[in-house]
Each structure stands twice: as structure tokens, then as C-alpha cells.
Amino acid sequence: MKKKIFVAAVAAILSVGLAPVAQADPYDQAVCSVLDEFPNNSGIRGIALALGDEGYTGYQAGQIIGQAVINLCPEYIPLMMRFAERYAPQGGVE
């Protein structure tokens, strides 16, 4: 139950962030807003799950999250690196 509430909260934040903005990628601001609120692995997983609900694959979600972090909130690059080291499939992308 707690996980569903968390994913719903992340999805709500992402949906607010998906409003048209003057930047290259509409997800950048939303992703960084979620990470500001949840600066941990759970925040990244929540974003990935919400993007999955939008129809993106896990790999595509990772690209969207990584691009947002690099473009707009590079303070989360160490978090992304730790997440990737822990959860990336062994031997690279499948």
C-alpha cells in the first residue's frame, strides 16, 4: 500500500511537471522536482515506474531520467551513478 501511495505521489508531481515549459525536454523539470522531494533510490524508482505507466521501457525511462539530471539538476549525478551501479543489469543493457 505504501508503495502505491509513493508511486501515485511521484506520478502527480510528474504530471504537474509535464505542463508546457520553455526548455528542450518537458520531463527535465518534473524529474528534478521529484528528486528534490525524494533524493534517493526510491525517488528514481518512482520516476521510472511513473514513466513506465506512460508507456516507456525501463531503458527509455533511464535515458529520460539521466538526461534530466545532466541537463537541469547535475547535483543528482552521484545519486544516478550509485543507482546505476546497484541496479544496472550485469553485463550491460539487455
C-alpha atoms as a PDB file:
ATOM      1  CA  MET A   1       0.000   0.000   0.000  1.00  0.00           C
ATOM      2  CA  LYS A   2       2.810   2.397   0.917  1.00  0.00           C
ATOM      3  CA  LYS A   3       4.484   1.757  -2.468  1.00  0.00           C
ATOM      4  CA  LYS A   4       1.255   2.582  -4.348  1.00  0.00           C
ATOM      5  CA  ILE A   5       0.895   5.856  -2.461  1.00  0.00           C
ATOM      6  CA  PHE A   6       4.524   6.768  -3.221  1.00  0.00           C
ATOM      7  CA  VAL A   7       4.140   5.960  -6.936  1.00  0.00           C
ATOM      8  CA  ALA A   8       0.913   7.991  -7.038  1.00  0.00           C
ATOM      9  CA  ALA A   9       2.700  10.948  -5.434  1.00  0.00           C
ATOM     10  CA  VAL A  10       5.540  10.738  -7.955  1.00  0.00           C
ATOM     11  CA  ALA A  11       3.059  10.434 -10.828  1.00  0.00           C
ATOM     12  CA  ALA A  12       1.232  13.519  -9.577  1.00  0.00           C
ATOM     13  CA  ILE A  13       4.461  15.509  -9.427  1.00  0.00           C
ATOM     14  CA  LEU A  14       5.422  14.335 -12.916  1.00  0.00           C
ATOM     15  CA  SER A  15       2.009  15.220 -14.338  1.00  0.00           C
ATOM     16  CA  VAL A  16       2.307  18.766 -12.987  1.00  0.00           C
ATOM     17  CA  GLY A  17       5.781  18.998 -14.474  1.00  0.00           C
ATOM     18  CA  LEU A  18       4.558  17.857 -17.874  1.00  0.00           C
ATOM     19  CA  ALA A  19       2.788  21.138 -18.497  1.00  0.00           C
ATOM     20  CA  PRO A  20       4.402  23.002 -21.407  1.00  0.00           C
ATOM     21  CA  VAL A  21       7.652  24.635 -20.370  1.00  0.00           C
ATOM     22  CA  ALA A  22      10.278  26.613 -22.249  1.00  0.00           C
ATOM     23  CA  GLN A  23      13.020  24.014 -22.331  1.00  0.00           C
ATOM     24  CA  ALA A  24      14.276  21.228 -24.541  1.00  0.00           C
ATOM     25  CA  ASP A  25      12.632  18.346 -22.692  1.00  0.00           C
ATOM     26  CA  PRO A  26       9.362  18.619 -20.790  1.00  0.00           C
ATOM     27  CA  TYR A  27      10.402  15.864 -18.385  1.00  0.00           C
ATOM     28  CA  ASP A  28      13.533  17.637 -17.117  1.00  0.00           C
ATOM     29  CA  GLN A  29      11.808  19.905 -14.622  1.00  0.00           C
ATOM     30  CA  ALA A  30       9.444  17.163 -13.446  1.00  0.00           C
ATOM     31  CA  VAL A  31      12.258  14.681 -12.842  1.00  0.00           C
ATOM     32  CA  CYS A  32      14.323  17.227 -10.922  1.00  0.00           C
ATOM     33  CA  SER A  33      11.294  18.249  -8.846  1.00  0.00           C
ATOM     34  CA  VAL A  34      10.721  14.642  -7.834  1.00  0.00           C
ATOM     35  CA  LEU A  35      14.393  14.208  -6.946  1.00  0.00           C
ATOM     36  CA  ASP A  36      14.280  17.412  -4.897  1.00  0.00           C
ATOM     37  CA  GLU A  37      11.457  15.840  -2.889  1.00  0.00           C
ATOM     38  CA  PHE A  38      12.813  12.259  -2.878  1.00  0.00           C
ATOM     39  CA  PRO A  39      16.628  12.445  -3.314  1.00  0.00           C
ATOM     40  CA  ASN A  40      17.201   8.694  -3.063  1.00  0.00           C
ATOM     41  CA  ASN A  41      16.850   5.394  -4.930  1.00  0.00           C
ATOM     42  CA  SER A  42      13.132   5.348  -4.174  1.00  0.00           C
ATOM     43  CA  GLY A  43      12.731   8.660  -5.980  1.00  0.00           C
ATOM     44  CA  ILE A  44      14.444   7.303  -9.070  1.00  0.00           C
ATOM     45  CA  ARG A  45      12.413   4.083  -8.964  1.00  0.00           C
ATOM     46  CA  GLY A  46       9.206   6.079  -8.540  1.00  0.00           C
ATOM     47  CA  ILE A  47      10.005   8.210 -11.578  1.00  0.00           C
ATOM     48  CA  ALA A  48      10.833   5.098 -13.602  1.00  0.00           C
ATOM     49  CA  LEU A  49       7.552   3.445 -12.578  1.00  0.00           C
ATOM     50  CA  ALA A  50       5.577   6.569 -13.464  1.00  0.00           C
ATOM     51  CA  LEU A  51       7.305   6.738 -16.856  1.00  0.00           C
ATOM     52  CA  GLY A  52       6.535   3.042 -17.309  1.00  0.00           C
ATOM     53  CA  ASP A  53       2.869   3.877 -16.775  1.00  0.00           C
ATOM     54  CA  GLU A  54       3.300   6.421 -19.603  1.00  0.00           C
ATOM     55  CA  GLY A  55       4.458   3.593 -21.901  1.00  0.00           C
ATOM     56  CA  TYR A  56       8.243   3.959 -21.688  1.00  0.00           C
ATOM     57  CA  THR A  57      10.509   0.951 -21.282  1.00  0.00           C
ATOM     58  CA  GLY A  58      12.872   0.770 -18.325  1.00  0.00           C
ATOM     59  CA  TYR A  59      15.763   1.667 -20.609  1.00  0.00           C
ATOM     60  CA  GLN A  60      13.899   4.684 -22.020  1.00  0.00           C
ATOM     61  CA  ALA A  61      12.947   5.810 -18.512  1.00  0.00           C
ATOM     62  CA  GLY A  62      16.615   5.623 -17.526  1.00  0.00           C
ATOM     63  CA  GLN A  63      17.545   7.764 -20.510  1.00  0.00           C
ATOM     64  CA  ILE A  64      14.890  10.359 -19.653  1.00  0.00           C
ATOM     65  CA  ILE A  65      15.944  10.498 -16.014  1.00  0.00           C
ATOM     66  CA  GLY A  66      19.649  10.631 -16.861  1.00  0.00           C
ATOM     67  CA  GLN A  67      19.146  13.384 -19.431  1.00  0.00           C
ATOM     68  CA  ALA A  68      17.118  15.449 -16.965  1.00  0.00           C
ATOM     69  CA  VAL A  69      19.760  15.097 -14.277  1.00  0.00           C
ATOM     70  CA  ILE A  70      22.569  16.047 -16.632  1.00  0.00           C
ATOM     71  CA  ASN A  71      20.630  18.971 -18.172  1.00  0.00           C
ATOM     72  CA  LEU A  72      18.951  20.528 -15.185  1.00  0.00           C
ATOM     73  CA  CYS A  73      19.962  19.100 -11.811  1.00  0.00           C
ATOM     74  CA  PRO A  74      23.533  17.794 -12.016  1.00  0.00           C
ATOM     75  CA  GLU A  75      23.736  17.727  -8.213  1.00  0.00           C
ATOM     76  CA  TYR A  76      21.979  14.342  -8.526  1.00  0.00           C
ATOM     77  CA  ILE A  77      24.615  12.799 -10.816  1.00  0.00           C
ATOM     78  CA  PRO A  78      26.281  10.959  -7.886  1.00  0.00           C
ATOM     79  CA  LEU A  79      22.860   9.547  -6.909  1.00  0.00           C
ATOM     80  CA  MET A  80      22.290   8.398 -10.500  1.00  0.00           C
ATOM     81  CA  MET A  81      25.721   6.769 -10.609  1.00  0.00           C
ATOM     82  CA  ARG A  82      25.100   4.889  -7.357  1.00  0.00           C
ATOM     83  CA  PHE A  83      21.663   3.816  -8.616  1.00  0.00           C
ATOM     84  CA  ALA A  84      23.108   2.570 -11.911  1.00  0.00           C
ATOM     85  CA  GLU A  85      25.912   0.680 -10.182  1.00  0.00           C
ATOM     86  CA  ARG A  86      23.421  -1.038  -7.913  1.00  0.00           C
ATOM     87  CA  TYR A  87      20.554  -1.785 -10.298  1.00  0.00           C
ATOM     88  CA  ALA A  88      22.002  -1.965 -13.825  1.00  0.00           C
ATOM     89  CA  PRO A  89      21.795  -5.418 -15.382  1.00  0.00           C
ATOM     90  CA  GLN A  90      25.057  -7.339 -15.150  1.00  0.00           C
ATOM     91  CA  GLY A  91      26.855  -7.236 -18.486  1.00  0.00           C
ATOM     92  CA  GLY A  92      25.158  -4.067 -19.717  1.00  0.00           C
ATOM     93  CA  VAL A  93      21.816  -3.336 -21.305  1.00  0.00           C
ATOM     94  CA  GLU A  94      19.647  -6.322 -22.121  1.00  0.00           C
END
